[in-house]
């Protein structure tokens, strides 16, 4: 009798475990089925350098898209804006973070682009990219005019950083013939400054820039000012430039430093379906609190300002979302 009782209890336990496992699997399946599925199975997001805000923010966004929509979403680190636009044109990515100046050039087929890129539409205007020109205090460099004859990193070649560095230098009457140019990304430029191989570097990004935060710990970092009147004069031809300040204390600076800024843009391939882009847009804004934990630059992203300063046509899916939340 004892053996029979033990056997019965064991059998009951196994059956209960099976039922619980079955319920768990059913719950998982139900949760998966409740996800808002997309027409596309891939959402590759072109970003920039691995340490830059684009990549940091997009990595969290891709995780959210994976979890929310059950798609294969990932980031692709790149040379940033110019490369990102070309990847969209080649249909190698579905979404990208880009600077508005590069987006403007791509739509017009000017500067770094031989022909207009047409298969791109905008999801949102994001946060400002601050032009952060850094040097060592011992160089005596205070403004862009002081860069003549100096060794200057202008960003990775054909990146958004390099495009706006060239435009701002030209606005000060300086060409690449007047400086010694190095094409370096964020981390490489910071390392070169620390090693004394550079006099100054352009690191245009949201704030704070992780490479500059690290550099400021062991380097006599000096921010180079770009005066408001200079920015306003340049903006007469290149309207995407605005004058902002790098707040005091950002990198140990005692005072706010005037500089130029360019709005970032979130863009997608125009051939993505309206329903997909509606869902991608909705999930992006629903996830802003989580994205803010990834990078502080997201504090300047808002639904209220998302349609201000658009450079590319708004994708119908994004328009549908904005119309819906406005009701």
C-alpha atoms as a PDB file:
ATOM      1  CA  UNK A   1       0.000   0.000   0.000  1.00  0.00           C
ATOM      2  CA  UNK A   2       2.847   2.355   0.886  1.00  0.00           C
ATOM      3  CA  UNK A   3       4.488   1.807  -2.502  1.00  0.00           C
ATOM      4  CA  UNK A   4       1.163   2.385  -4.267  1.00  0.00           C
ATOM      5  CA  UNK A   5       0.615   5.615  -2.322  1.00  0.00           C
ATOM      6  CA  UNK A   6       4.104   6.885  -3.105  1.00  0.00           C
ATOM      7  CA  UNK A   7       3.638   5.977  -6.787  1.00  0.00           C
ATOM      8  CA  UNK A   8       0.283   7.797  -6.887  1.00  0.00           C
ATOM      9  CA  UNK A   9       1.768  10.920  -5.307  1.00  0.00           C
ATOM     10  CA  UNK A  10       4.698  10.884  -7.739  1.00  0.00           C
ATOM     11  CA  UNK A  11       2.362  10.459 -10.697  1.00  0.00           C
ATOM     12  CA  UNK A  12       0.199  13.335  -9.491  1.00  0.00           C
ATOM     13  CA  UNK A  13       3.260  15.560  -9.057  1.00  0.00           C
ATOM     14  CA  UNK A  14       4.467  14.771 -12.564  1.00  0.00           C
ATOM     15  CA  UNK A  15       1.045  15.488 -14.032  1.00  0.00           C
ATOM     16  CA  UNK A  16       0.849  18.797 -12.123  1.00  0.00           C
ATOM     17  CA  UNK A  17       4.334  19.776 -13.302  1.00  0.00           C
ATOM     18  CA  UNK A  18       3.342  18.970 -16.873  1.00  0.00           C
ATOM     19  CA  UNK A  19       0.196  21.034 -16.571  1.00  0.00           C
ATOM     20  CA  UNK A  20       2.151  23.991 -15.124  1.00  0.00           C
ATOM     21  CA  UNK A  21       4.764  23.722 -17.866  1.00  0.00           C
ATOM     22  CA  UNK A  22       2.017  23.582 -20.445  1.00  0.00           C
ATOM     23  CA  UNK A  23       0.393  26.664 -18.945  1.00  0.00           C
ATOM     24  CA  UNK A  24       3.747  28.459 -18.922  1.00  0.00           C
ATOM     25  CA  UNK A  25       4.344  27.658 -22.572  1.00  0.00           C
ATOM     26  CA  UNK A  26       0.807  28.695 -23.408  1.00  0.00           C
ATOM     27  CA  UNK A  27       1.277  31.969 -21.528  1.00  0.00           C
ATOM     28  CA  UNK A  28       4.546  32.612 -23.384  1.00  0.00           C
ATOM     29  CA  UNK A  29       2.880  31.838 -26.697  1.00  0.00           C
ATOM     30  CA  UNK A  30      -0.056  34.073 -25.838  1.00  0.00           C
ATOM     31  CA  UNK A  31       2.310  36.911 -24.904  1.00  0.00           C
ATOM     32  CA  UNK A  32       4.175  36.462 -28.192  1.00  0.00           C
ATOM     33  CA  UNK A  33       0.908  36.407 -30.126  1.00  0.00           C
ATOM     34  CA  UNK A  34      -0.200  39.628 -28.435  1.00  0.00           C
ATOM     35  CA  UNK A  35       2.821  41.517 -29.741  1.00  0.00           C
ATOM     36  CA  UNK A  36       2.165  43.981 -32.531  1.00  0.00           C
ATOM     37  CA  UNK A  37       3.716  42.137 -35.451  1.00  0.00           C
ATOM     38  CA  UNK A  38       5.356  44.046 -38.280  1.00  0.00           C
ATOM     39  CA  UNK A  39       5.322  43.357 -42.003  1.00  0.00           C
ATOM     40  CA  UNK A  40       9.112  43.485 -42.033  1.00  0.00           C
ATOM     41  CA  UNK A  41      11.102  40.903 -40.113  1.00  0.00           C
ATOM     42  CA  UNK A  42      14.226  43.077 -39.868  1.00  0.00           C
ATOM     43  CA  UNK A  43      14.753  46.493 -38.275  1.00  0.00           C
ATOM     44  CA  UNK A  44      18.428  47.291 -38.598  1.00  0.00           C
ATOM     45  CA  UNK A  45      19.285  50.726 -37.191  1.00  0.00           C
ATOM     46  CA  UNK A  46      22.344  52.510 -38.628  1.00  0.00           C
ATOM     47  CA  UNK A  47      24.051  54.534 -35.902  1.00  0.00           C
ATOM     48  CA  UNK A  48      27.639  55.793 -35.656  1.00  0.00           C
ATOM     49  CA  UNK A  49      30.688  55.033 -33.540  1.00  0.00           C
ATOM     50  CA  UNK A  50      30.310  52.455 -30.778  1.00  0.00           C
ATOM     51  CA  UNK A  51      30.798  55.038 -27.992  1.00  0.00           C
ATOM     52  CA  UNK A  52      28.551  57.719 -29.473  1.00  0.00           C
ATOM     53  CA  UNK A  53      25.003  58.593 -28.339  1.00  0.00           C
ATOM     54  CA  UNK A  54      23.478  57.293 -31.600  1.00  0.00           C
ATOM     55  CA  UNK A  55      24.726  53.780 -30.930  1.00  0.00           C
ATOM     56  CA  UNK A  56      24.037  53.849 -27.192  1.00  0.00           C
ATOM     57  CA  UNK A  57      20.424  54.996 -27.663  1.00  0.00           C
ATOM     58  CA  UNK A  58      19.761  52.747 -30.656  1.00  0.00           C
ATOM     59  CA  UNK A  59      21.052  49.650 -28.851  1.00  0.00           C
ATOM     60  CA  UNK A  60      18.334  50.061 -26.216  1.00  0.00           C
ATOM     61  CA  UNK A  61      15.757  50.916 -28.902  1.00  0.00           C
ATOM     62  CA  UNK A  62      16.599  47.734 -30.837  1.00  0.00           C
ATOM     63  CA  UNK A  63      16.101  45.678 -27.676  1.00  0.00           C
ATOM     64  CA  UNK A  64      12.679  47.287 -27.211  1.00  0.00           C
ATOM     65  CA  UNK A  65      11.709  46.575 -30.840  1.00  0.00           C
ATOM     66  CA  UNK A  66      12.785  42.941 -30.437  1.00  0.00           C
ATOM     67  CA  UNK A  67      10.722  42.517 -27.298  1.00  0.00           C
ATOM     68  CA  UNK A  68       7.678  44.503 -28.431  1.00  0.00           C
ATOM     69  CA  UNK A  69       7.369  43.398 -32.035  1.00  0.00           C
ATOM     70  CA  UNK A  70       9.221  40.099 -32.213  1.00  0.00           C
ATOM     71  CA  UNK A  71      11.452  41.333 -35.041  1.00  0.00           C
ATOM     72  CA  UNK A  72      15.158  40.871 -35.600  1.00  0.00           C
ATOM     73  CA  UNK A  73      16.276  44.375 -34.629  1.00  0.00           C
ATOM     74  CA  UNK A  74      19.913  45.308 -34.171  1.00  0.00           C
ATOM     75  CA  UNK A  75      22.252  48.247 -34.547  1.00  0.00           C
ATOM     76  CA  UNK A  76      24.934  48.688 -37.180  1.00  0.00           C
ATOM     77  CA  UNK A  77      27.892  50.815 -36.132  1.00  0.00           C
ATOM     78  CA  UNK A  78      29.030  53.037 -38.988  1.00  0.00           C
ATOM     79  CA  UNK A  79      30.982  56.142 -39.915  1.00  0.00           C
ATOM     80  CA  UNK A  80      27.730  57.945 -39.036  1.00  0.00           C
ATOM     81  CA  UNK A  81      25.414  60.203 -41.018  1.00  0.00           C
ATOM     82  CA  UNK A  82      26.732  60.108 -44.603  1.00  0.00           C
ATOM     83  CA  UNK A  83      27.259  56.353 -44.518  1.00  0.00           C
ATOM     84  CA  UNK A  84      23.857  55.913 -42.869  1.00  0.00           C
ATOM     85  CA  UNK A  85      22.128  57.762 -45.702  1.00  0.00           C
ATOM     86  CA  UNK A  86      23.898  55.623 -48.286  1.00  0.00           C
ATOM     87  CA  UNK A  87      22.928  52.445 -46.421  1.00  0.00           C
ATOM     88  CA  UNK A  88      19.280  53.547 -46.513  1.00  0.00           C
ATOM     89  CA  UNK A  89      19.541  54.253 -50.244  1.00  0.00           C
ATOM     90  CA  UNK A  90      21.039  50.772 -50.778  1.00  0.00           C
ATOM     91  CA  UNK A  91      18.219  49.214 -48.663  1.00  0.00           C
ATOM     92  CA  UNK A  92      20.781  47.660 -46.307  1.00  0.00           C
ATOM     93  CA  UNK A  93      19.143  49.156 -43.197  1.00  0.00           C
ATOM     94  CA  UNK A  94      15.582  50.090 -42.303  1.00  0.00           C
ATOM     95  CA  UNK A  95      16.170  53.016 -39.935  1.00  0.00           C
ATOM     96  CA  UNK A  96      18.951  55.477 -39.119  1.00  0.00           C
ATOM     97  CA  UNK A  97      20.021  58.297 -36.855  1.00  0.00           C
ATOM     98  CA  UNK A  98      21.466  61.190 -38.880  1.00  0.00           C
ATOM     99  CA  UNK A  99      22.318  64.855 -38.536  1.00  0.00           C
ATOM    100  CA  UNK A 100      19.955  67.269 -40.242  1.00  0.00           C
ATOM    101  CA  UNK A 101      22.727  68.933 -42.275  1.00  0.00           C
ATOM    102  CA  UNK A 102      23.694  65.623 -43.866  1.00  0.00           C
ATOM    103  CA  UNK A 103      20.034  64.751 -44.421  1.00  0.00           C
ATOM    104  CA  UNK A 104      19.586  68.074 -46.205  1.00  0.00           C
ATOM    105  CA  UNK A 105      22.618  67.369 -48.428  1.00  0.00           C
ATOM    106  CA  UNK A 106      21.371  63.844 -49.195  1.00  0.00           C
ATOM    107  CA  UNK A 107      17.947  65.047 -50.300  1.00  0.00           C
ATOM    108  CA  UNK A 108      19.536  67.697 -52.524  1.00  0.00           C
ATOM    109  CA  UNK A 109      22.315  65.447 -53.862  1.00  0.00           C
ATOM    110  CA  UNK A 110      24.967  67.961 -52.805  1.00  0.00           C
ATOM    111  CA  UNK A 111      28.397  67.931 -51.138  1.00  0.00           C
ATOM    112  CA  UNK A 112      29.005  64.283 -50.137  1.00  0.00           C
ATOM    113  CA  UNK A 113      26.191  62.968 -52.369  1.00  0.00           C
ATOM    114  CA  UNK A 114      26.446  62.679 -56.155  1.00  0.00           C
ATOM    115  CA  UNK A 115      22.690  62.379 -56.618  1.00  0.00           C
ATOM    116  CA  UNK A 116      19.602  62.958 -54.469  1.00  0.00           C
ATOM    117  CA  UNK A 117      18.582  60.110 -52.160  1.00  0.00           C
ATOM    118  CA  UNK A 118      14.844  59.632 -52.521  1.00  0.00           C
ATOM    119  CA  UNK A 119      13.986  56.479 -50.559  1.00  0.00           C
ATOM    120  CA  UNK A 120      14.055  58.189 -47.163  1.00  0.00           C
ATOM    121  CA  UNK A 121      11.428  59.850 -44.990  1.00  0.00           C
ATOM    122  CA  UNK A 122      11.552  61.260 -41.490  1.00  0.00           C
ATOM    123  CA  UNK A 123      10.062  59.868 -38.306  1.00  0.00           C
ATOM    124  CA  UNK A 124      11.013  62.662 -35.911  1.00  0.00           C
ATOM    125  CA  UNK A 125      13.283  65.550 -35.117  1.00  0.00           C
ATOM    126  CA  UNK A 126      15.256  64.405 -32.086  1.00  0.00           C
ATOM    127  CA  UNK A 127      17.735  66.270 -29.886  1.00  0.00           C
ATOM    128  CA  UNK A 128      20.397  68.850 -30.738  1.00  0.00           C
ATOM    129  CA  UNK A 129      23.903  67.707 -31.566  1.00  0.00           C
ATOM    130  CA  UNK A 130      26.296  70.135 -29.953  1.00  0.00           C
ATOM    131  CA  UNK A 131      29.503  70.986 -31.796  1.00  0.00           C
ATOM    132  CA  UNK A 132      32.061  70.247 -29.087  1.00  0.00           C
ATOM    133  CA  UNK A 133      35.476  71.518 -30.169  1.00  0.00           C
ATOM    134  CA  UNK A 134      38.079  70.550 -27.596  1.00  0.00           C
ATOM    135  CA  UNK A 135      41.716  71.322 -27.045  1.00  0.00           C
ATOM    136  CA  UNK A 136      44.258  71.411 -24.239  1.00  0.00           C
ATOM    137  CA  UNK A 137      44.447  74.543 -22.074  1.00  0.00           C
ATOM    138  CA  UNK A 138      48.137  74.845 -22.864  1.00  0.00           C
ATOM    139  CA  UNK A 139      47.550  75.352 -26.618  1.00  0.00           C
ATOM    140  CA  UNK A 140      46.019  78.777 -26.151  1.00  0.00           C
ATOM    141  CA  UNK A 141      43.245  77.942 -28.666  1.00  0.00           C
ATOM    142  CA  UNK A 142      40.100  79.851 -27.701  1.00  0.00           C
ATOM    143  CA  UNK A 143      38.095  80.198 -30.961  1.00  0.00           C
ATOM    144  CA  UNK A 144      37.933  78.509 -34.356  1.00  0.00           C
ATOM    145  CA  UNK A 145      40.067  81.316 -35.796  1.00  0.00           C
ATOM    146  CA  UNK A 146      42.940  80.008 -33.641  1.00  0.00           C
ATOM    147  CA  UNK A 147      42.913  76.649 -35.466  1.00  0.00           C
ATOM    148  CA  UNK A 148      44.921  77.884 -38.456  1.00  0.00           C
ATOM    149  CA  UNK A 149      48.083  75.826 -38.840  1.00  0.00           C
ATOM    150  CA  UNK A 150      47.017  73.379 -36.112  1.00  0.00           C
ATOM    151  CA  UNK A 151      46.526  69.602 -36.136  1.00  0.00           C
ATOM    152  CA  UNK A 152      42.756  69.141 -36.018  1.00  0.00           C
ATOM    153  CA  UNK A 153      40.561  66.026 -35.980  1.00  0.00           C
ATOM    154  CA  UNK A 154      37.382  66.767 -37.916  1.00  0.00           C
ATOM    155  CA  UNK A 155      35.526  63.478 -37.368  1.00  0.00           C
ATOM    156  CA  UNK A 156      35.500  60.257 -39.358  1.00  0.00           C
ATOM    157  CA  UNK A 157      35.663  60.988 -43.082  1.00  0.00           C
ATOM    158  CA  UNK A 158      32.216  61.804 -44.538  1.00  0.00           C
ATOM    159  CA  UNK A 159      30.579  61.591 -41.114  1.00  0.00           C
ATOM    160  CA  UNK A 160      28.092  64.195 -39.973  1.00  0.00           C
ATOM    161  CA  UNK A 161      30.803  65.522 -37.647  1.00  0.00           C
ATOM    162  CA  UNK A 162      33.125  66.063 -40.595  1.00  0.00           C
ATOM    163  CA  UNK A 163      30.422  67.732 -42.685  1.00  0.00           C
ATOM    164  CA  UNK A 164      29.539  70.327 -40.056  1.00  0.00           C
ATOM    165  CA  UNK A 165      33.189  70.822 -39.075  1.00  0.00           C
ATOM    166  CA  UNK A 166      33.981  71.701 -42.695  1.00  0.00           C
ATOM    167  CA  UNK A 167      30.972  74.019 -42.926  1.00  0.00           C
ATOM    168  CA  UNK A 168      31.801  75.829 -39.695  1.00  0.00           C
ATOM    169  CA  UNK A 169      35.455  76.222 -40.624  1.00  0.00           C
ATOM    170  CA  UNK A 170      34.464  77.593 -44.037  1.00  0.00           C
ATOM    171  CA  UNK A 171      32.167  80.037 -42.251  1.00  0.00           C
ATOM    172  CA  UNK A 172      35.247  81.321 -40.435  1.00  0.00           C
ATOM    173  CA  UNK A 173      37.201  81.615 -43.678  1.00  0.00           C
ATOM    174  CA  UNK A 174      39.229  78.461 -42.947  1.00  0.00           C
ATOM    175  CA  UNK A 175      39.681  75.595 -45.426  1.00  0.00           C
ATOM    176  CA  UNK A 176      41.347  72.228 -44.945  1.00  0.00           C
ATOM    177  CA  UNK A 177      44.413  73.763 -46.609  1.00  0.00           C
ATOM    178  CA  UNK A 178      44.755  76.042 -43.579  1.00  0.00           C
ATOM    179  CA  UNK A 179      44.927  73.216 -41.012  1.00  0.00           C
ATOM    180  CA  UNK A 180      46.466  69.746 -40.710  1.00  0.00           C
ATOM    181  CA  UNK A 181      43.458  67.433 -40.937  1.00  0.00           C
ATOM    182  CA  UNK A 182      43.003  64.081 -39.219  1.00  0.00           C
ATOM    183  CA  UNK A 183      39.850  62.025 -39.863  1.00  0.00           C
ATOM    184  CA  UNK A 184      39.150  60.473 -36.468  1.00  0.00           C
ATOM    185  CA  UNK A 185      36.022  59.309 -34.664  1.00  0.00           C
ATOM    186  CA  UNK A 186      35.187  60.140 -31.054  1.00  0.00           C
ATOM    187  CA  UNK A 187      37.321  57.609 -29.197  1.00  0.00           C
ATOM    188  CA  UNK A 188      40.278  57.907 -31.577  1.00  0.00           C
ATOM    189  CA  UNK A 189      40.248  61.718 -31.347  1.00  0.00           C
ATOM    190  CA  UNK A 190      40.153  61.608 -27.550  1.00  0.00           C
ATOM    191  CA  UNK A 191      43.091  59.180 -27.481  1.00  0.00           C
ATOM    192  CA  UNK A 192      45.070  61.367 -29.896  1.00  0.00           C
ATOM    193  CA  UNK A 193      44.448  64.481 -27.784  1.00  0.00           C
ATOM    194  CA  UNK A 194      45.583  62.647 -24.668  1.00  0.00           C
ATOM    195  CA  UNK A 195      48.737  61.446 -26.436  1.00  0.00           C
ATOM    196  CA  UNK A 196      49.554  64.943 -27.733  1.00  0.00           C
ATOM    197  CA  UNK A 197      49.134  64.005 -31.396  1.00  0.00           C
ATOM    198  CA  UNK A 198      46.409  66.637 -31.925  1.00  0.00           C
ATOM    199  CA  UNK A 199      45.938  70.294 -31.073  1.00  0.00           C
ATOM    200  CA  UNK A 200      42.131  70.196 -31.258  1.00  0.00           C
ATOM    201  CA  UNK A 201      39.224  67.976 -32.259  1.00  0.00           C
ATOM    202  CA  UNK A 202      35.589  68.264 -33.317  1.00  0.00           C
ATOM    203  CA  UNK A 203      33.305  65.848 -31.446  1.00  0.00           C
ATOM    204  CA  UNK A 204      29.764  66.767 -32.464  1.00  0.00           C
ATOM    205  CA  UNK A 205      27.140  64.761 -30.567  1.00  0.00           C
ATOM    206  CA  UNK A 206      24.478  64.854 -27.927  1.00  0.00           C
ATOM    207  CA  UNK A 207      25.729  65.698 -24.470  1.00  0.00           C
ATOM    208  CA  UNK A 208      27.525  64.458 -22.596  1.00  0.00           C
ATOM    209  CA  UNK A 209      29.848  62.676 -25.011  1.00  0.00           C
ATOM    210  CA  UNK A 210      31.200  59.519 -23.350  1.00  0.00           C
ATOM    211  CA  UNK A 211      34.667  59.903 -24.901  1.00  0.00           C
ATOM    212  CA  UNK A 212      34.939  63.482 -23.620  1.00  0.00           C
ATOM    213  CA  UNK A 213      33.687  62.500 -20.174  1.00  0.00           C
ATOM    214  CA  UNK A 214      36.481  59.957 -19.958  1.00  0.00           C
ATOM    215  CA  UNK A 215      39.062  62.354 -21.433  1.00  0.00           C
ATOM    216  CA  UNK A 216      38.196  65.072 -18.910  1.00  0.00           C
ATOM    217  CA  UNK A 217      39.280  62.780 -16.065  1.00  0.00           C
ATOM    218  CA  UNK A 218      42.946  62.806 -17.106  1.00  0.00           C
ATOM    219  CA  UNK A 219      43.397  65.762 -19.468  1.00  0.00           C
ATOM    220  CA  UNK A 220      43.433  69.568 -19.129  1.00  0.00           C
ATOM    221  CA  UNK A 221      40.425  69.828 -21.418  1.00  0.00           C
ATOM    222  CA  UNK A 222      39.470  73.224 -22.841  1.00  0.00           C
ATOM    223  CA  UNK A 223      36.274  73.811 -24.826  1.00  0.00           C
ATOM    224  CA  UNK A 224      36.610  76.103 -27.854  1.00  0.00           C
ATOM    225  CA  UNK A 225      33.939  78.787 -28.220  1.00  0.00           C
ATOM    226  CA  UNK A 226      31.932  79.395 -31.401  1.00  0.00           C
ATOM    227  CA  UNK A 227      30.384  82.802 -30.942  1.00  0.00           C
ATOM    228  CA  UNK A 228      26.652  83.383 -31.493  1.00  0.00           C
ATOM    229  CA  UNK A 229      27.151  86.057 -34.163  1.00  0.00           C
ATOM    230  CA  UNK A 230      29.324  83.671 -36.198  1.00  0.00           C
ATOM    231  CA  UNK A 231      26.734  80.891 -35.972  1.00  0.00           C
ATOM    232  CA  UNK A 232      23.921  83.224 -36.953  1.00  0.00           C
ATOM    233  CA  UNK A 233      25.892  84.455 -39.977  1.00  0.00           C
ATOM    234  CA  UNK A 234      26.590  80.875 -41.114  1.00  0.00           C
ATOM    235  CA  UNK A 235      22.933  79.936 -40.540  1.00  0.00           C
ATOM    236  CA  UNK A 236      21.831  82.447 -43.169  1.00  0.00           C
ATOM    237  CA  UNK A 237      23.004  79.927 -45.793  1.00  0.00           C
ATOM    238  CA  UNK A 238      22.765  76.755 -43.693  1.00  0.00           C
ATOM    239  CA  UNK A 239      19.581  77.131 -41.683  1.00  0.00           C
ATOM    240  CA  UNK A 240      20.014  73.889 -39.713  1.00  0.00           C
ATOM    241  CA  UNK A 241      22.687  75.554 -37.531  1.00  0.00           C
ATOM    242  CA  UNK A 242      21.489  77.146 -34.284  1.00  0.00           C
ATOM    243  CA  UNK A 243      23.412  78.835 -31.495  1.00  0.00           C
ATOM    244  CA  UNK A 244      23.325  77.039 -28.128  1.00  0.00           C
ATOM    245  CA  UNK A 245      25.551  76.761 -25.082  1.00  0.00           C
ATOM    246  CA  UNK A 246      27.426  73.859 -23.531  1.00  0.00           C
ATOM    247  CA  UNK A 247      26.265  74.225 -19.905  1.00  0.00           C
ATOM    248  CA  UNK A 248      28.757  74.982 -17.156  1.00  0.00           C
ATOM    249  CA  UNK A 249      30.055  71.854 -15.465  1.00  0.00           C
ATOM    250  CA  UNK A 250      29.445  69.529 -18.417  1.00  0.00           C
ATOM    251  CA  UNK A 251      33.138  68.652 -18.698  1.00  0.00           C
ATOM    252  CA  UNK A 252      34.456  70.548 -15.690  1.00  0.00           C
ATOM    253  CA  UNK A 253      34.077  73.895 -17.477  1.00  0.00           C
ATOM    254  CA  UNK A 254      33.371  76.694 -15.023  1.00  0.00           C
ATOM    255  CA  UNK A 255      31.298  78.752 -17.470  1.00  0.00           C
ATOM    256  CA  UNK A 256      28.827  77.995 -20.248  1.00  0.00           C
ATOM    257  CA  UNK A 257      30.521  77.855 -23.652  1.00  0.00           C
ATOM    258  CA  UNK A 258      28.747  79.210 -26.758  1.00  0.00           C
ATOM    259  CA  UNK A 259      28.713  76.847 -29.710  1.00  0.00           C
ATOM    260  CA  UNK A 260      26.756  75.707 -32.762  1.00  0.00           C
ATOM    261  CA  UNK A 261      24.242  72.868 -32.763  1.00  0.00           C
ATOM    262  CA  UNK A 262      22.420  70.796 -35.370  1.00  0.00           C
ATOM    263  CA  UNK A 263      19.229  68.846 -34.790  1.00  0.00           C
ATOM    264  CA  UNK A 264      19.395  65.085 -35.138  1.00  0.00           C
ATOM    265  CA  UNK A 265      16.815  63.225 -37.182  1.00  0.00           C
ATOM    266  CA  UNK A 266      15.339  59.725 -36.976  1.00  0.00           C
ATOM    267  CA  UNK A 267      14.681  58.509 -40.520  1.00  0.00           C
ATOM    268  CA  UNK A 268      13.399  55.349 -42.203  1.00  0.00           C
ATOM    269  CA  UNK A 269      13.253  53.900 -45.687  1.00  0.00           C
ATOM    270  CA  UNK A 270      10.248  55.368 -47.474  1.00  0.00           C
ATOM    271  CA  UNK A 271       9.223  51.916 -48.737  1.00  0.00           C
ATOM    272  CA  UNK A 272       8.442  50.596 -45.241  1.00  0.00           C
ATOM    273  CA  UNK A 273       4.706  50.138 -44.805  1.00  0.00           C
ATOM    274  CA  UNK A 274       2.550  52.743 -43.103  1.00  0.00           C
ATOM    275  CA  UNK A 275       1.519  50.252 -40.418  1.00  0.00           C
ATOM    276  CA  UNK A 276       5.136  49.314 -39.648  1.00  0.00           C
ATOM    277  CA  UNK A 277       6.319  52.900 -39.294  1.00  0.00           C
ATOM    278  CA  UNK A 278       3.260  53.739 -37.207  1.00  0.00           C
ATOM    279  CA  UNK A 279       4.227  50.948 -34.777  1.00  0.00           C
ATOM    280  CA  UNK A 280       7.940  51.868 -34.808  1.00  0.00           C
ATOM    281  CA  UNK A 281       7.103  55.513 -34.117  1.00  0.00           C
ATOM    282  CA  UNK A 282       4.638  54.700 -31.344  1.00  0.00           C
ATOM    283  CA  UNK A 283       7.065  52.318 -29.645  1.00  0.00           C
ATOM    284  CA  UNK A 284       9.878  54.865 -29.903  1.00  0.00           C
ATOM    285  CA  UNK A 285       7.899  57.526 -28.026  1.00  0.00           C
ATOM    286  CA  UNK A 286       6.415  55.028 -25.564  1.00  0.00           C
ATOM    287  CA  UNK A 287       9.997  53.998 -24.724  1.00  0.00           C
ATOM    288  CA  UNK A 288      11.455  57.465 -24.062  1.00  0.00           C
ATOM    289  CA  UNK A 289      11.802  56.862 -20.281  1.00  0.00           C
ATOM    290  CA  UNK A 290      13.786  53.697 -20.951  1.00  0.00           C
ATOM    291  CA  UNK A 291      15.897  55.367 -23.641  1.00  0.00           C
ATOM    292  CA  UNK A 292      16.712  58.183 -21.208  1.00  0.00           C
ATOM    293  CA  UNK A 293      18.334  55.662 -18.892  1.00  0.00           C
ATOM    294  CA  UNK A 294      20.660  54.769 -21.782  1.00  0.00           C
ATOM    295  CA  UNK A 295      21.780  58.343 -22.551  1.00  0.00           C
ATOM    296  CA  UNK A 296      21.012  61.791 -21.147  1.00  0.00           C
ATOM    297  CA  UNK A 297      20.654  63.311 -24.638  1.00  0.00           C
ATOM    298  CA  UNK A 298      17.162  61.765 -24.789  1.00  0.00           C
ATOM    299  CA  UNK A 299      15.970  64.344 -22.236  1.00  0.00           C
ATOM    300  CA  UNK A 300      15.750  66.787 -25.157  1.00  0.00           C
ATOM    301  CA  UNK A 301      13.514  64.478 -27.232  1.00  0.00           C
ATOM    302  CA  UNK A 302       9.804  65.194 -26.934  1.00  0.00           C
ATOM    303  CA  UNK A 303       6.583  64.436 -28.728  1.00  0.00           C
ATOM    304  CA  UNK A 304       5.768  68.149 -28.670  1.00  0.00           C
ATOM    305  CA  UNK A 305       8.898  69.096 -30.661  1.00  0.00           C
ATOM    306  CA  UNK A 306       9.177  66.008 -32.857  1.00  0.00           C
ATOM    307  CA  UNK A 307       7.713  67.749 -35.902  1.00  0.00           C
ATOM    308  CA  UNK A 308       9.673  70.995 -35.455  1.00  0.00           C
ATOM    309  CA  UNK A 309      12.487  71.566 -37.939  1.00  0.00           C
ATOM    310  CA  UNK A 310      11.786  68.517 -40.097  1.00  0.00           C
ATOM    311  CA  UNK A 311      14.158  68.257 -43.067  1.00  0.00           C
ATOM    312  CA  UNK A 312      12.747  65.239 -44.940  1.00  0.00           C
ATOM    313  CA  UNK A 313       9.086  64.486 -45.740  1.00  0.00           C
ATOM    314  CA  UNK A 314       7.292  62.856 -42.828  1.00  0.00           C
ATOM    315  CA  UNK A 315       6.566  59.149 -43.362  1.00  0.00           C
ATOM    316  CA  UNK A 316       2.774  58.496 -43.535  1.00  0.00           C
ATOM    317  CA  UNK A 317       3.080  56.014 -40.657  1.00  0.00           C
ATOM    318  CA  UNK A 318       4.662  58.639 -38.423  1.00  0.00           C
ATOM    319  CA  UNK A 319       2.035  61.171 -39.538  1.00  0.00           C
ATOM    320  CA  UNK A 320      -0.695  58.701 -38.574  1.00  0.00           C
ATOM    321  CA  UNK A 321       0.789  58.402 -35.091  1.00  0.00           C
ATOM    322  CA  UNK A 322       1.065  62.175 -34.601  1.00  0.00           C
ATOM    323  CA  UNK A 323      -2.510  62.665 -35.832  1.00  0.00           C
ATOM    324  CA  UNK A 324      -3.716  59.993 -33.418  1.00  0.00           C
ATOM    325  CA  UNK A 325      -2.055  61.457 -30.308  1.00  0.00           C
ATOM    326  CA  UNK A 326      -3.244  64.948 -31.255  1.00  0.00           C
ATOM    327  CA  UNK A 327      -6.911  63.914 -31.062  1.00  0.00           C
END
